[in-house]
Amino acid sequence: MQIARPYALAAAALAATGTVAVTPLASRLPEIPVTSRAVSLVDSSILNVPINVLYDLANIPYNEVQALNSVAGSLFFSGNWWVPSSTNLWGIDPGDPTHVALITDFFPFPAFNEGVGGLQYQIDGLLAAELPVNASCDAETCAPMTPPDFITGSTVIDRDIGFIRAITGQANFGLFENWFRVPISDLINGYTFNPVDDPGAIDPSGPVNSNPIFGFPGVDQGGDNPFEGGTGPGDEMPWNGHTYTLNLFQPFVNYWEHLMETPPTDGDIPGTGIMIPTATEFFQALQAVAAGMIVDFYPWVPGSPACPAECDSLLSVPQLVALLDPTNSNPMIQAWLEDTANGTANNATPDQINAAVALLQTGTYNLNPEQLDQLLENLASINPALPALGVNLGLYTDPGYLAYALDPQVGFNPVYGGYNPNLVGQDLLDAINSPTDWSKLLDINLMGEILFPAASNWTAMQMDPAAAALNDANVGVDLGNLTELLGTGSLTDMLNSLAAELTAQLQEDLSALASSFGADLPADFMSALPDLLAVF
């Protein structure tokens, strides 16, 4: 009869736990969710299962409030999504396990979700093994697509060509090279993350800081999920050196062991394990989620596509976040504001912001430095204000940004201010007030160079047929990776052969089209230009 009292207390408390508690409870500090759990089998008994099930059902409202805190903590931990950083990379970086927790925590049974072997752990390990990050696609570049190679002179087309070359294996795309490479059988038998076998074991874009108040402490901070936390020495991922075993039944084992544990008695209702969320906790969780949404998704920050030039926002992100906590009482919001002031919040570094700006500043025309200089010189010969106007409109890349994108050591020094619509009005006034040499418009050669500054690329562009064959050592998204993942080698050979044949035919067609386009279009246009000018 020793368990009769906990059962009676639990039954009496159920009516009070159907929603957020409004009646005053004993004061306590807001609990910060820590996605970790230690499993103890001391005094375990099947007789404990009914009361623990009852407690788990009664604790659903409380756990859902903690799930909101996990959402907020994940948003604060990962930083702004508009600008690449060490927690915002292609592949699985330290910010991604927090997003897994963000989703799974809404299943309101922590014993099933958290800790080693839990659902979060299983998903984290699978993703980290199959989708590792790569230094070739870090926070500053993602070759061969950004910055695009100088091919046709059109930024959009050149990026598409880079993507096609990567996806068909014609160019080494390091990011995809290591995706889906670890067979499921290796994960089931135990897979150890290390830089030799897994390039994704090192964060290529610098350190990641972990503030435990956001709910995702590293193992060295008391957490027990090795996939959570900040980077270690040498920017090692939190999971570097960990041996992961894929076992989708383990979360159920963990939960069963939890049900057999001695029922807790330290809940909000004395003598029970029932936790009751307060109105203050619920409000602060919503408050933190709203602030986290601003931190992650506010687009007008330096380096964002919504702000390719200087950002002239009335309020900065920290100022907007601070407005949501006028009493300075929300622990997560105050922790993030303090981290931001100290420079330890996970956001893009100044160099990463500069690199993002330089890439966003690539104009409609994708020209190499010599072609760009010649084009701007030709424009200036017509009107001195035209180079600035073309750059500020986004037609041409600012020479300073192009130089920085090719070699960051030269410094971040735009010549004309880059793509910036705010400067276009003044450029138009300058063009009106500057002398214009109208005779240059009748110079067919000059106009041809201005309208087709990369025409020399077209006539010179000849695809190498030998590059059409897929090379296993220099592969893009090799479809065989997926079959290798499942251990079907014969299908790998068939897919590689089919992909090689299709790629060879595509390269042959593109080569013929490019040669014809490059040879005929400039000549046709130049022959028609006198007639067009005569019409006007």
Protein backbone atom coordinates (compact mmCIF):
# COMPACT_ATOMS: atom_id res chain seq x y z
CA MET A 1 0.00 0.00 0.00
CA GLN A 2 2.99 2.30 -0.08
CA ILE A 3 2.11 3.44 -3.59
CA ALA A 4 -1.50 4.16 -2.72
CA ARG A 5 -0.76 7.71 -1.60
CA PRO A 6 0.97 8.80 -4.89
CA TYR A 7 -1.95 7.30 -6.84
CA ALA A 8 -4.49 9.11 -4.72
CA LEU A 9 -2.60 12.40 -4.99
CA ALA A 10 -2.26 12.04 -8.74
CA ALA A 11 -5.95 11.30 -9.19
CA ALA A 12 -6.89 14.29 -7.09
CA ALA A 13 -4.56 16.55 -9.09
CA LEU A 14 -5.73 15.70 -12.60
CA ALA A 15 -8.54 18.23 -12.50
CA ALA A 16 -6.01 20.96 -11.83
CA THR A 17 -3.69 20.09 -14.71
CA GLY A 18 -5.92 20.35 -17.76
CA THR A 19 -4.63 23.82 -18.62
CA VAL A 20 -2.16 26.48 -17.56
CA ALA A 21 -2.39 27.12 -13.85
CA VAL A 22 -3.71 30.52 -12.86
CA THR A 23 -3.90 29.93 -9.12
CA PRO A 24 -0.70 31.02 -7.34
CA LEU A 25 1.93 28.35 -6.78
CA ALA A 26 5.12 28.45 -4.81
CA SER A 27 7.44 30.90 -6.53
CA ARG A 28 10.23 29.43 -8.63
CA LEU A 29 12.66 30.61 -11.23
CA PRO A 30 11.55 30.01 -14.82
CA GLU A 31 12.84 26.59 -15.84
CA ILE A 32 15.09 26.53 -18.86
CA PRO A 33 14.59 23.37 -20.94
CA VAL A 34 17.63 21.13 -21.10
CA THR A 35 17.23 18.44 -23.72
CA SER A 36 19.02 15.73 -21.81
CA ARG A 37 17.95 12.88 -19.63
CA ALA A 38 19.76 10.43 -17.40
CA VAL A 39 18.17 6.97 -17.30
CA SER A 40 18.25 5.25 -13.92
CA LEU A 41 17.09 1.71 -13.29
CA VAL A 42 17.50 1.90 -9.51
CA ASP A 43 14.35 0.52 -7.81
CA SER A 44 12.74 -0.04 -11.21
CA SER A 45 9.56 -2.08 -11.19
CA ILE A 46 6.68 -2.80 -13.50
CA LEU A 47 4.45 -1.72 -10.63
CA ASN A 48 5.64 1.85 -11.25
CA VAL A 49 4.28 1.92 -14.81
CA PRO A 50 0.67 3.00 -14.11
CA ILE A 51 1.58 5.96 -11.91
CA ASN A 52 4.32 7.14 -14.30
CA VAL A 53 1.91 6.94 -17.24
CA LEU A 54 -0.56 8.98 -15.21
CA TYR A 55 2.12 11.56 -14.42
CA ASP A 56 3.19 11.78 -18.07
CA LEU A 57 -0.37 12.44 -19.19
CA ALA A 58 -0.86 15.01 -16.47
CA ASN A 59 2.40 16.74 -17.45
CA ILE A 60 1.45 17.27 -21.11
CA PRO A 61 0.53 20.96 -20.60
CA TYR A 62 3.80 21.61 -18.78
CA ASN A 63 5.86 19.79 -21.42
CA GLU A 64 4.19 21.73 -24.21
CA VAL A 65 5.24 24.99 -22.55
CA GLN A 66 8.76 23.60 -22.34
CA ALA A 67 8.50 22.75 -26.04
CA LEU A 68 7.82 26.43 -26.72
CA ASN A 69 10.99 27.21 -24.79
CA SER A 70 12.85 24.74 -27.01
CA VAL A 71 11.59 26.60 -30.06
CA ALA A 72 12.84 29.88 -28.63
CA GLY A 73 16.17 28.38 -27.56
CA SER A 74 16.73 26.89 -31.01
CA LEU A 75 16.07 30.24 -32.67
CA PHE A 76 18.41 32.12 -30.34
CA PHE A 77 21.12 29.46 -30.68
CA SER A 78 21.23 29.35 -34.48
CA GLY A 79 21.19 33.09 -35.28
CA ASN A 80 19.94 34.87 -38.39
CA TRP A 81 19.03 32.56 -41.28
CA TRP A 82 19.44 35.20 -43.98
CA VAL A 83 23.23 35.38 -43.68
CA PRO A 84 25.53 32.31 -43.82
CA SER A 85 27.46 31.63 -40.62
CA SER A 86 28.90 28.76 -38.60
CA THR A 87 25.34 27.78 -37.57
CA ASN A 88 23.78 28.42 -40.98
CA LEU A 89 25.53 26.18 -43.50
CA TRP A 90 24.51 23.65 -46.14
CA GLY A 91 24.75 20.33 -44.35
CA ILE A 92 24.38 19.53 -40.67
CA ASP A 93 26.03 22.16 -38.48
CA PRO A 94 25.68 22.67 -34.69
CA GLY A 95 22.51 24.70 -35.19
CA ASP A 96 20.61 21.85 -36.84
CA PRO A 97 20.23 19.44 -33.88
CA THR A 98 18.45 22.27 -32.08
CA HIS A 99 15.95 22.39 -34.96
CA VAL A 100 15.37 18.66 -34.57
CA ALA A 101 14.60 19.25 -30.88
CA LEU A 102 12.37 22.16 -31.87
CA ILE A 103 10.12 19.70 -33.71
CA THR A 104 10.33 16.56 -31.58
CA ASP A 105 9.74 18.37 -28.28
CA PHE A 106 6.15 18.99 -29.31
CA PHE A 107 5.67 15.25 -28.77
CA PRO A 108 5.17 15.81 -25.05
CA PHE A 109 7.10 12.89 -23.57
CA PRO A 110 10.71 13.94 -22.79
CA ALA A 111 11.75 10.43 -21.81
CA PHE A 112 11.03 9.29 -25.36
CA ASN A 113 12.68 12.27 -27.06
CA GLU A 114 15.74 13.21 -25.09
CA GLY A 115 19.09 11.86 -24.00
CA VAL A 116 21.38 9.27 -25.57
CA GLY A 117 19.32 6.89 -27.67
CA GLY A 118 16.23 9.10 -27.67
CA LEU A 119 14.37 10.17 -30.78
CA GLN A 120 16.34 13.40 -31.08
CA TYR A 121 19.62 11.52 -30.76
CA GLN A 122 18.62 9.02 -33.45
CA ILE A 123 17.64 11.73 -35.94
CA ASP A 124 20.66 13.91 -35.12
CA GLY A 125 23.15 11.11 -35.72
CA LEU A 126 21.55 9.96 -38.96
CA LEU A 127 21.55 13.48 -40.40
CA ALA A 128 25.09 14.27 -39.24
CA ALA A 129 26.43 11.10 -40.87
CA GLU A 130 24.58 11.42 -44.18
CA LEU A 131 24.56 15.22 -44.69
CA PRO A 132 27.92 16.53 -43.46
CA VAL A 133 29.10 20.08 -44.10
CA ASN A 134 32.08 20.71 -46.36
CA ALA A 135 34.72 23.43 -46.51
CA SER A 136 34.00 24.01 -50.21
CA CYS A 137 30.55 25.31 -49.28
CA ASP A 138 31.10 27.32 -46.13
CA ALA A 139 29.73 30.66 -44.95
CA GLU A 140 31.66 32.61 -47.60
CA THR A 141 31.58 30.59 -50.84
CA CYS A 142 29.85 27.58 -52.33
CA ALA A 143 31.84 26.64 -55.44
CA PRO A 144 31.15 26.17 -58.31
CA MET A 145 27.88 28.11 -58.01
CA THR A 146 28.90 31.05 -55.84
CA PRO A 147 30.81 32.91 -56.94
CA PRO A 148 29.94 31.75 -60.49
CA ASP A 149 32.67 31.07 -63.02
CA PHE A 150 33.03 33.56 -65.87
CA ILE A 151 31.39 31.65 -68.74
CA THR A 152 28.63 33.38 -70.70
CA GLY A 153 28.70 36.80 -69.05
CA SER A 154 25.21 36.30 -67.56
CA THR A 155 25.20 35.75 -63.81
CA VAL A 156 21.97 33.73 -63.86
CA ILE A 157 23.09 31.47 -66.70
CA ASP A 158 26.58 31.02 -65.27
CA ARG A 159 25.15 29.99 -61.90
CA ASP A 160 22.82 27.53 -63.61
CA ILE A 161 25.74 26.09 -65.57
CA GLY A 162 27.69 25.73 -62.33
CA PHE A 163 24.76 23.91 -60.75
CA ILE A 164 24.35 21.59 -63.75
CA ARG A 165 28.07 20.84 -63.77
CA ALA A 166 27.96 20.03 -60.07
CA ILE A 167 24.80 17.95 -60.23
CA THR A 168 26.08 15.90 -63.19
CA GLY A 169 29.59 15.40 -61.83
CA GLN A 170 31.41 17.65 -64.32
CA ALA A 171 32.74 19.83 -61.49
CA ASN A 172 33.86 18.81 -58.03
CA PHE A 173 31.14 19.90 -55.63
CA GLY A 174 32.56 19.03 -52.25
CA LEU A 175 29.26 19.49 -50.44
CA PHE A 176 27.49 16.71 -52.33
CA GLU A 177 30.62 14.59 -52.60
CA ASN A 178 30.20 13.25 -49.06
CA TRP A 179 26.42 13.12 -48.82
CA PHE A 180 24.78 9.71 -48.39
CA ARG A 181 28.18 8.00 -48.24
CA VAL A 182 27.81 6.12 -44.95
CA PRO A 183 25.94 2.81 -45.39
CA ILE A 184 23.04 2.22 -43.04
CA SER A 185 24.73 -1.01 -41.99
CA ASP A 186 27.70 1.00 -40.66
CA LEU A 187 25.38 3.20 -38.62
CA ILE A 188 23.60 0.18 -37.17
CA ASN A 189 26.92 -1.44 -36.22
CA GLY A 190 28.32 1.79 -34.77
CA TYR A 191 29.87 4.71 -36.66
CA THR A 192 32.55 6.95 -35.14
CA PHE A 193 32.70 10.55 -36.32
CA ASN A 194 36.24 11.76 -37.01
CA PRO A 195 37.87 14.21 -39.46
CA VAL A 196 39.53 11.38 -41.41
CA ASP A 197 36.32 9.59 -42.38
CA ASP A 198 33.95 12.53 -41.97
CA PRO A 199 35.01 15.99 -43.22
CA GLY A 200 31.84 17.29 -41.58
CA ALA A 201 33.38 16.66 -38.16
CA ILE A 202 34.95 20.13 -38.38
CA ASP A 203 32.90 23.32 -38.74
CA PRO A 204 34.51 25.11 -41.72
CA SER A 205 33.17 28.52 -40.73
CA GLY A 206 34.52 29.02 -37.26
CA PRO A 207 33.43 28.50 -33.66
CA VAL A 208 29.90 28.04 -32.33
CA ASN A 209 29.12 29.17 -28.80
CA SER A 210 26.64 27.40 -26.54
CA ASN A 211 24.77 29.20 -23.77
CA PRO A 212 23.12 26.52 -21.58
CA ILE A 213 20.20 28.82 -20.85
CA PHE A 214 18.93 28.15 -24.39
CA GLY A 215 18.46 24.50 -23.44
CA PHE A 216 21.11 22.81 -25.59
CA PRO A 217 24.22 22.36 -23.42
CA GLY A 218 27.18 20.41 -24.68
CA VAL A 219 28.44 17.33 -22.89
CA ASP A 220 31.07 19.50 -21.20
CA GLN A 221 28.24 21.70 -19.87
CA GLY A 222 26.20 18.90 -18.35
CA GLY A 223 24.21 17.78 -21.38
CA ASP A 224 24.06 14.14 -22.40
CA ASN A 225 23.17 14.44 -26.09
CA PRO A 226 26.58 14.53 -27.85
CA PHE A 227 25.05 16.17 -30.92
CA GLU A 228 24.10 19.32 -29.05
CA GLY A 229 26.26 22.20 -27.86
CA GLY A 230 28.97 24.39 -29.33
CA THR A 231 32.12 23.50 -31.21
CA GLY A 232 35.21 22.20 -29.46
CA PRO A 233 38.95 22.80 -29.98
CA GLY A 234 39.84 23.41 -33.60
CA ASP A 235 36.17 24.09 -34.38
CA GLU A 236 35.31 20.41 -33.93
CA MET A 237 31.63 19.57 -34.16
CA PRO A 238 30.08 18.55 -30.82
CA TRP A 239 29.78 14.98 -32.10
CA ASN A 240 33.39 14.62 -33.26
CA GLY A 241 34.83 11.43 -31.75
CA HIS A 242 31.43 10.08 -30.72
CA THR A 243 30.41 6.58 -31.76
CA TYR A 244 26.80 6.65 -32.89
CA THR A 245 24.59 3.59 -33.22
CA LEU A 246 21.36 3.81 -35.17
CA ASN A 247 18.61 1.99 -33.29
CA LEU A 248 15.11 3.26 -33.91
CA PHE A 249 13.78 1.00 -31.15
CA GLN A 250 15.96 2.64 -28.49
CA PRO A 251 13.56 5.57 -27.84
CA PHE A 252 10.87 3.02 -26.94
CA VAL A 253 13.33 1.18 -24.68
CA ASN A 254 14.23 4.47 -23.01
CA TYR A 255 10.59 5.31 -22.44
CA TRP A 256 9.81 1.89 -20.99
CA GLU A 257 12.74 2.20 -18.60
CA HIS A 258 11.41 5.61 -17.60
CA LEU A 259 7.98 4.13 -16.85
CA MET A 260 9.53 1.52 -14.55
CA GLU A 261 11.54 4.08 -12.56
CA THR A 262 10.49 5.10 -9.07
CA PRO A 263 7.79 7.75 -9.50
CA PRO A 264 9.02 11.26 -8.71
CA THR A 265 7.64 13.15 -5.73
CA ASP A 266 9.10 16.60 -6.34
CA GLY A 267 6.37 18.04 -8.55
CA ASP A 268 4.40 21.22 -8.09
CA ILE A 269 1.73 19.21 -6.31
CA PRO A 270 3.52 17.95 -3.17
CA GLY A 271 4.21 14.25 -3.11
CA THR A 272 3.63 13.78 -6.85
CA GLY A 273 5.58 14.17 -10.08
CA ILE A 274 3.02 16.50 -11.61
CA MET A 275 4.32 19.83 -12.92
CA ILE A 276 1.91 22.70 -13.52
CA PRO A 277 2.95 25.51 -15.90
CA THR A 278 2.22 28.97 -14.62
CA ALA A 279 0.75 31.80 -16.65
CA THR A 280 4.08 33.62 -16.31
CA GLU A 281 6.00 30.68 -17.75
CA PHE A 282 3.58 30.39 -20.65
CA PHE A 283 3.73 34.12 -21.40
CA GLN A 284 7.54 34.21 -21.20
CA ALA A 285 7.78 31.22 -23.55
CA LEU A 286 5.61 33.00 -26.13
CA GLN A 287 7.61 36.18 -25.57
CA ALA A 288 10.89 34.34 -26.19
CA VAL A 289 9.53 32.65 -29.33
CA ALA A 290 8.51 36.04 -30.75
CA ALA A 291 11.96 37.45 -30.00
CA GLY A 292 13.64 34.40 -31.52
CA MET A 293 11.62 34.83 -34.71
CA ILE A 294 13.04 38.35 -35.03
CA VAL A 295 16.58 37.10 -34.40
CA ASP A 296 16.33 34.43 -37.09
CA PHE A 297 14.06 35.88 -39.75
CA TYR A 298 14.37 39.68 -39.64
CA PRO A 299 15.67 40.30 -43.19
CA TRP A 300 17.15 43.80 -42.96
CA VAL A 301 20.54 42.86 -41.60
CA PRO A 302 23.96 43.32 -43.24
CA GLY A 303 24.69 40.53 -45.69
CA SER A 304 21.04 39.61 -46.26
CA PRO A 305 19.60 39.41 -49.80
CA ALA A 306 16.98 41.91 -48.62
CA CYS A 307 19.75 44.36 -47.80
CA PRO A 308 22.53 43.92 -50.39
CA ALA A 309 23.95 47.40 -49.78
CA GLU A 310 24.07 49.36 -46.53
CA CYS A 311 21.21 48.61 -44.15
CA ASP A 312 19.44 51.79 -43.08
CA SER A 313 16.97 50.16 -40.69
CA LEU A 314 15.52 52.42 -38.01
CA LEU A 315 16.02 49.76 -35.33
CA SER A 316 18.64 47.02 -35.10
CA VAL A 317 17.75 43.44 -34.21
CA PRO A 318 18.90 43.79 -30.56
CA GLN A 319 16.77 46.92 -30.21
CA LEU A 320 13.72 45.14 -31.62
CA VAL A 321 14.29 42.16 -29.33
CA ALA A 322 14.71 44.41 -26.29
CA LEU A 323 11.36 46.04 -27.02
CA LEU A 324 9.66 42.68 -26.43
CA ASP A 325 11.01 42.47 -22.88
CA PRO A 326 10.46 45.96 -21.39
CA THR A 327 10.82 44.66 -17.81
CA ASN A 328 14.11 42.84 -18.55
CA SER A 329 12.67 39.74 -16.89
CA ASN A 330 12.75 37.11 -19.64
CA PRO A 331 15.83 34.93 -19.02
CA MET A 332 16.32 33.80 -22.63
CA ILE A 333 15.90 37.26 -24.12
CA GLN A 334 18.26 38.81 -21.59
CA ALA A 335 20.83 36.04 -22.15
CA TRP A 336 20.78 36.62 -25.92
CA LEU A 337 21.09 40.38 -25.52
CA GLU A 338 24.07 39.88 -23.21
CA ASP A 339 25.71 37.42 -25.63
CA THR A 340 25.19 39.88 -28.48
CA ALA A 341 26.75 42.71 -26.50
CA ASN A 342 29.72 40.47 -25.64
CA GLY A 343 30.13 39.23 -29.22
CA THR A 344 29.41 35.61 -28.29
CA ALA A 345 25.99 35.24 -29.95
CA ASN A 346 25.97 32.88 -32.93
CA ASN A 347 25.76 35.24 -35.89
CA ALA A 348 27.82 35.91 -39.00
CA THR A 349 31.25 37.45 -38.40
CA PRO A 350 32.26 40.73 -40.11
CA ASP A 351 34.30 38.78 -42.70
CA GLN A 352 31.35 36.48 -43.41
CA ILE A 353 29.05 39.49 -43.77
CA ASN A 354 31.49 41.14 -46.18
CA ALA A 355 31.71 37.94 -48.23
CA ALA A 356 27.91 37.68 -48.36
CA VAL A 357 27.62 41.30 -49.47
CA ALA A 358 30.27 40.83 -52.16
CA LEU A 359 28.44 37.78 -53.57
CA LEU A 360 25.07 39.54 -53.46
CA GLN A 361 26.64 42.45 -55.31
CA THR A 362 27.35 40.35 -58.41
CA GLY A 363 25.64 42.25 -61.22
CA THR A 364 23.39 41.02 -64.00
CA TYR A 365 26.54 40.75 -66.12
CA ASN A 366 29.06 38.26 -64.78
CA LEU A 367 32.40 39.62 -65.99
CA ASN A 368 36.02 39.01 -65.10
CA PRO A 369 38.08 42.01 -63.92
CA GLU A 370 39.51 42.79 -67.37
CA GLN A 371 36.09 42.68 -69.05
CA LEU A 372 34.52 44.78 -66.30
CA ASP A 373 37.23 47.44 -66.45
CA GLN A 374 36.91 47.67 -70.24
CA LEU A 375 33.12 47.94 -70.04
CA LEU A 376 33.19 50.70 -67.43
CA GLU A 377 35.82 52.56 -69.45
CA ASN A 378 33.60 52.36 -72.54
CA LEU A 379 30.60 53.67 -70.60
CA ALA A 380 32.63 56.54 -69.16
CA SER A 381 33.69 57.55 -72.66
CA ILE A 382 30.01 58.23 -73.42
CA ASN A 383 29.12 59.86 -70.09
CA PRO A 384 31.27 59.93 -66.92
CA ALA A 385 28.26 59.13 -64.73
CA LEU A 386 27.25 55.94 -66.55
CA PRO A 387 29.61 53.53 -64.71
CA ALA A 388 28.20 54.51 -61.31
CA LEU A 389 24.64 54.35 -62.66
CA GLY A 390 25.14 50.86 -64.10
CA VAL A 391 26.73 49.57 -60.90
CA ASN A 392 24.13 51.12 -58.58
CA LEU A 393 21.33 49.69 -60.74
CA GLY A 394 22.84 46.22 -60.31
CA LEU A 395 23.74 45.72 -63.97
CA TYR A 396 27.47 45.51 -63.28
CA THR A 397 29.49 44.39 -60.29
CA ASP A 398 31.35 47.07 -58.40
CA PRO A 399 35.09 46.58 -59.15
CA GLY A 400 35.83 46.74 -55.43
CA TYR A 401 33.37 43.98 -54.60
CA LEU A 402 34.61 41.82 -57.48
CA ALA A 403 38.19 42.18 -56.28
CA TYR A 404 37.18 41.24 -52.72
CA ALA A 405 35.18 38.20 -53.89
CA LEU A 406 38.21 36.93 -55.81
CA ASP A 407 40.74 37.76 -53.09
CA PRO A 408 39.58 38.94 -49.62
CA GLN A 409 43.13 40.05 -48.84
CA VAL A 410 42.71 43.13 -51.05
CA GLY A 411 40.21 44.63 -48.61
CA PHE A 412 36.54 45.54 -48.76
CA ASN A 413 36.56 48.80 -50.73
CA PRO A 414 33.65 49.41 -53.14
CA VAL A 415 34.38 51.99 -55.83
CA TYR A 416 30.86 53.15 -56.73
CA GLY A 417 28.91 51.95 -53.69
CA GLY A 418 27.80 48.70 -55.30
CA TYR A 419 24.21 47.78 -56.06
CA ASN A 420 22.25 50.42 -54.18
CA PRO A 421 18.92 51.75 -55.51
CA ASN A 422 19.17 54.65 -53.08
CA LEU A 423 22.03 56.10 -55.16
CA VAL A 424 20.32 55.83 -58.55
CA GLY A 425 18.51 59.17 -58.28
CA GLN A 426 21.74 61.07 -57.74
CA ASP A 427 23.37 59.09 -60.56
CA LEU A 428 20.65 60.22 -62.97
CA LEU A 429 21.16 63.84 -61.96
CA ASP A 430 24.91 63.44 -62.45
CA ALA A 431 24.33 61.92 -65.89
CA ILE A 432 22.10 64.84 -66.91
CA ASN A 433 24.63 67.39 -65.70
CA SER A 434 27.64 65.61 -67.25
CA PRO A 435 28.71 65.97 -70.91
CA THR A 436 27.52 63.18 -73.22
CA ASP A 437 29.34 62.17 -76.39
CA TRP A 438 26.35 61.17 -78.54
CA SER A 439 28.57 60.22 -81.45
CA LYS A 440 29.79 57.20 -79.52
CA LEU A 441 26.32 55.69 -79.86
CA LEU A 442 26.99 55.33 -83.60
CA ASP A 443 30.26 53.49 -83.02
CA ILE A 444 29.24 49.92 -83.84
CA ASN A 445 32.32 48.34 -82.28
CA LEU A 446 31.98 50.33 -79.07
CA MET A 447 28.27 49.56 -78.73
CA GLY A 448 28.95 45.90 -79.41
CA GLU A 449 31.49 45.80 -76.58
CA ILE A 450 29.02 47.52 -74.24
CA LEU A 451 26.04 45.33 -75.10
CA PHE A 452 28.00 42.08 -75.33
CA PRO A 453 31.00 42.53 -73.02
CA ALA A 454 31.54 38.77 -72.73
CA ALA A 455 31.12 37.91 -76.42
CA SER A 456 34.68 36.60 -76.53
CA ASN A 457 33.66 33.96 -73.99
CA TRP A 458 30.96 32.61 -76.29
CA THR A 459 33.17 32.00 -79.29
CA ALA A 460 35.92 30.54 -77.12
CA MET A 461 33.63 28.29 -75.09
CA GLN A 462 34.05 24.68 -76.15
CA MET A 463 32.96 21.92 -73.82
CA ASP A 464 35.51 19.15 -73.20
CA PRO A 465 33.83 15.84 -74.14
CA ALA A 466 36.17 13.97 -71.82
CA ALA A 467 34.61 15.80 -68.89
CA ALA A 468 31.26 14.21 -69.63
CA ALA A 469 32.17 10.94 -67.97
CA LEU A 470 31.46 10.74 -64.27
CA ASN A 471 34.53 10.24 -62.15
CA ASP A 472 33.98 8.47 -58.83
CA ALA A 473 36.79 10.50 -57.24
CA ASN A 474 35.45 13.82 -58.52
CA VAL A 475 31.70 13.48 -58.32
CA GLY A 476 28.80 15.81 -57.78
CA VAL A 477 25.49 14.36 -56.70
CA ASP A 478 26.31 10.79 -57.72
CA LEU A 479 23.00 8.93 -57.78
CA GLY A 480 24.98 5.89 -56.81
CA ASN A 481 25.58 7.42 -53.39
CA LEU A 482 21.98 6.70 -52.52
CA THR A 483 22.28 3.09 -53.57
CA GLU A 484 25.63 2.79 -51.81
CA LEU A 485 23.79 3.96 -48.73
CA LEU A 486 21.51 0.94 -49.08
CA GLY A 487 24.26 -1.42 -50.25
CA THR A 488 23.13 -2.04 -53.85
CA GLY A 489 26.29 -1.90 -55.94
CA SER A 490 24.91 -3.23 -59.23
CA LEU A 491 22.30 -0.49 -59.33
CA THR A 492 25.10 2.00 -58.72
CA ASP A 493 26.91 0.84 -61.87
CA MET A 494 23.74 1.03 -63.92
CA LEU A 495 22.88 4.55 -62.72
CA ASN A 496 26.43 5.79 -63.28
CA SER A 497 26.43 4.41 -66.82
CA LEU A 498 23.06 5.98 -67.59
CA ALA A 499 24.11 9.31 -66.10
CA ALA A 500 27.34 9.30 -68.14
CA GLU A 501 25.46 8.71 -71.39
CA LEU A 502 22.90 11.43 -70.68
CA THR A 503 25.60 13.88 -69.61
CA ALA A 504 27.70 13.25 -72.72
CA GLN A 505 24.71 13.93 -74.96
CA LEU A 506 23.83 17.07 -72.99
CA GLN A 507 27.39 18.38 -73.24
CA GLU A 508 27.48 17.76 -76.99
CA ASP A 509 24.21 19.65 -77.50
CA LEU A 510 25.29 22.54 -75.27
CA SER A 511 28.63 22.81 -77.07
CA ALA A 512 26.96 23.04 -80.47
CA LEU A 513 24.42 25.57 -79.21
CA ALA A 514 27.07 27.74 -77.54
CA SER A 515 29.28 27.78 -80.62
CA SER A 516 26.40 28.74 -82.89
CA PHE A 517 25.11 31.36 -80.46
CA GLY A 518 28.54 32.92 -79.94
CA ALA A 519 29.35 33.05 -83.64
CA ASP A 520 26.05 34.27 -85.04
CA LEU A 521 24.37 36.55 -82.50
CA PRO A 522 26.98 39.37 -82.27
CA ALA A 523 27.40 39.45 -86.06
CA ASP A 524 23.64 39.49 -86.67
CA PHE A 525 23.12 42.25 -84.17
CA MET A 526 25.95 44.41 -85.53
CA SER A 527 24.65 44.10 -89.07
CA ALA A 528 21.19 45.20 -87.96
CA LEU A 529 22.36 48.01 -85.66
CA PRO A 530 22.69 50.72 -88.41
CA ASP A 531 19.12 50.03 -89.51
CA LEU A 532 17.86 50.24 -85.94
CA LEU A 533 19.66 53.55 -85.37
CA ALA A 534 18.30 54.91 -88.64
CA VAL A 535 14.74 54.25 -87.44
CA PHE A 536 15.30 56.52 -84.47
